[in-house]
Protein backbone atom coordinates (compact mmCIF):
# COMPACT_ATOMS: atom_id res chain seq x y z
CA MET A 1 83.74 110.32 96.88
CA ALA A 2 86.51 110.95 99.46
CA GLU A 3 89.98 111.42 98.10
CA LYS A 4 92.20 108.48 98.63
CA ILE A 5 95.69 109.18 99.97
CA VAL A 6 99.17 107.64 99.25
CA LEU A 7 101.23 108.31 102.36
CA PHE A 8 104.99 108.53 102.02
CA ILE A 9 107.05 107.91 105.18
CA CYS A 10 110.55 108.32 106.30
CA VAL A 11 112.30 109.34 109.38
CA GLU A 12 113.13 112.94 108.78
CA ASN A 13 110.67 113.91 105.99
CA ALA A 14 113.47 115.87 104.45
CA CYS A 15 114.39 114.20 101.24
CA ARG A 16 112.93 110.90 99.83
CA SER A 17 109.27 111.23 101.28
CA LEU A 18 108.99 114.79 100.12
CA MET A 19 110.33 113.88 96.63
CA ALA A 20 107.82 111.12 96.38
CA GLU A 21 104.93 113.20 97.37
CA ALA A 22 105.90 115.94 94.71
CA MET A 23 106.42 113.14 92.15
CA PHE A 24 103.03 111.48 92.94
CA ASN A 25 100.99 114.65 92.87
CA ARG A 26 102.21 115.69 89.50
CA ASP A 27 100.45 112.89 87.80
CA ALA A 28 98.24 111.56 90.61
CA PRO A 29 95.30 109.48 89.32
CA ALA A 30 91.96 110.92 89.54
CA GLY A 31 90.60 111.04 93.13
CA TRP A 32 94.20 110.43 94.44
CA ARG A 33 96.75 112.58 96.17
CA ALA A 34 99.96 111.98 98.13
CA THR A 35 101.19 113.46 101.37
CA SER A 36 104.30 112.93 103.50
CA ALA A 37 105.58 112.76 107.01
CA GLY A 38 108.26 111.43 109.24
CA THR A 39 108.63 109.66 112.55
CA SER A 40 111.37 112.25 113.65
CA PRO A 41 111.04 115.06 111.38
CA ALA A 42 113.91 117.56 110.68
CA MET A 43 113.57 121.07 111.30
CA ALA A 44 113.65 121.70 107.51
CA PRO A 45 113.98 119.86 104.24
CA ASN A 46 117.40 118.94 103.11
CA PRO A 47 118.87 121.97 101.23
CA ARG A 48 119.44 119.61 98.22
CA THR A 49 116.00 118.41 97.99
CA ALA A 50 114.35 121.49 96.18
CA PRO A 51 117.19 121.85 93.82
CA MET A 52 117.18 118.19 92.86
CA LEU A 53 113.53 118.34 92.30
CA LYS A 54 113.74 121.43 90.20
CA GLN A 55 116.14 119.52 88.00
CA ILE A 56 113.32 117.27 87.01
CA GLY A 57 110.70 120.04 86.73
CA LEU A 58 108.98 119.76 90.17
CA GLU A 59 108.65 121.97 93.12
CA ILE A 60 109.09 120.71 96.74
CA PRO A 61 105.83 120.38 98.70
CA ASN A 62 104.50 123.33 100.40
CA HIS A 63 104.90 122.22 103.84
CA PRO A 64 107.86 121.68 106.42
CA PRO A 65 108.83 118.36 107.47
CA ARG A 66 105.86 116.98 109.68
CA VAL A 67 105.37 114.25 112.15
CA LEU A 68 103.66 111.12 111.23
CA THR A 69 100.39 110.79 113.08
CA THR A 70 98.19 107.97 113.82
CA GLN A 71 95.34 109.83 111.84
CA MET A 72 97.49 110.13 108.68
CA ILE A 73 98.32 106.31 108.94
CA GLU A 74 94.43 105.34 109.36
CA GLU A 75 93.28 107.75 106.70
CA SER A 76 95.84 106.69 103.90
CA LYS A 77 94.83 104.00 101.43
CA ILE A 78 98.39 103.25 100.49
CA ARG A 79 101.38 103.60 102.82
CA VAL A 80 104.92 103.43 101.57
CA THR A 81 108.10 103.63 103.56
CA MET A 82 111.55 104.49 102.16
CA GLY A 83 113.53 101.60 103.87
CA CYS A 84 114.64 103.69 106.96
CA LEU A 85 112.22 102.63 109.50
CA ASP A 86 113.59 100.21 112.14
CA ASN A 87 111.35 98.65 114.83
CA ALA A 88 112.36 101.52 117.42
CA ALA A 89 111.34 104.17 114.77
CA CYS A 90 108.22 102.59 113.11
CA PRO A 91 104.95 103.12 114.83
CA ALA A 92 103.38 99.95 115.95
CA ARG A 93 100.12 100.89 114.31
CA LEU A 94 101.76 101.07 110.80
CA LYS A 95 103.36 97.70 111.12
CA GLU A 96 99.84 96.24 111.76
CA LEU A 97 98.50 97.53 108.48
CA GLU A 98 99.46 96.82 104.87
CA TYR A 99 102.42 99.05 103.80
CA ARG A 100 105.19 98.81 101.25
CA ASP A 101 108.78 99.33 101.84
CA TRP A 102 111.11 100.70 98.94
CA GLY A 103 114.41 100.35 100.67
CA LEU A 104 116.20 103.34 99.39
CA PRO A 105 119.15 104.86 100.84
CA ASP A 106 119.00 108.30 102.60
CA PRO A 107 120.20 110.69 99.72
CA GLY A 108 120.95 113.36 102.31
CA LYS A 109 124.14 111.23 103.34
CA LEU A 110 125.25 111.01 99.60
CA ASP A 111 127.13 113.08 97.28
CA ASP A 112 125.18 114.89 94.57
CA ALA A 113 125.43 112.07 91.98
CA GLY A 114 124.12 109.55 94.75
CA PHE A 115 121.27 112.05 95.55
CA ARG A 116 120.36 112.05 91.90
CA GLU A 117 120.48 108.24 91.66
CA VAL A 118 118.16 107.89 94.80
CA ARG A 119 115.78 110.65 93.12
CA ASP A 120 115.71 108.64 89.82
CA LYS A 121 115.10 105.36 91.50
CA LEU A 122 112.36 106.97 93.58
CA ARG A 123 110.76 108.53 90.36
CA GLN A 124 110.53 104.93 88.69
CA GLN A 125 109.04 103.43 91.81
CA VAL A 126 106.50 106.35 91.95
CA GLU A 127 105.58 106.00 88.28
CA GLY A 128 104.92 102.30 88.77
CA LEU A 129 102.78 102.97 91.91
CA VAL A 130 100.72 105.45 89.60
CA ARG A 131 100.50 102.74 86.90
CA GLU A 132 99.42 100.21 89.29
CA ILE A 133 96.67 102.49 90.77
CA ARG A 134 95.30 103.49 87.41
CA LEU A 135 95.32 99.85 86.34
CA ASN A 136 93.37 98.81 89.48
CA GLU A 137 90.87 101.74 89.01
CA ARG A 138 90.36 100.63 85.49
CA MET A 139 89.66 96.97 86.51
CA ARG A 140 87.39 97.99 89.32
CA GLU A 141 85.36 100.08 86.83
CA ALA A 142 85.06 97.28 84.40
CA ARG A 143 83.92 94.68 87.12
CA ALA A 144 81.26 97.33 88.08
CA ALA A 145 79.98 98.16 84.63
CA PRO A 146 76.69 96.41 83.75
CA ALA A 147 77.18 93.42 81.27
CA ARG A 148 76.04 94.21 77.71
């Protein structure tokens, strides 16, 4: 069975989407994994991203910010934007498909307390998504099980 992908998307792939990827993959449901990308990736992660993740026991994903591709969009089962993609920045193909927008501010523009607040809101959103996926998987398995 092919792995199911959650794609976290923001403009720079330097803060929110990288944190969401790390958070999801720490406790990913069986058969799922997360990846992340940006529409205009930064040259490097925001220097505060790794320390903010370390504070909650996580490591930053082992890849630099990367550009969002049509293939990534097509291969993902769930697509999550962070509230930063306007019509100019958002690929037309993404808008044709189902995606979720979490509407989080860019923590790179905030002080450390604001950065932590966005991180913690993001963690709540990711934990909710993991619970939702697990529930949906259990319901799908229950429907597929033979009646007794």
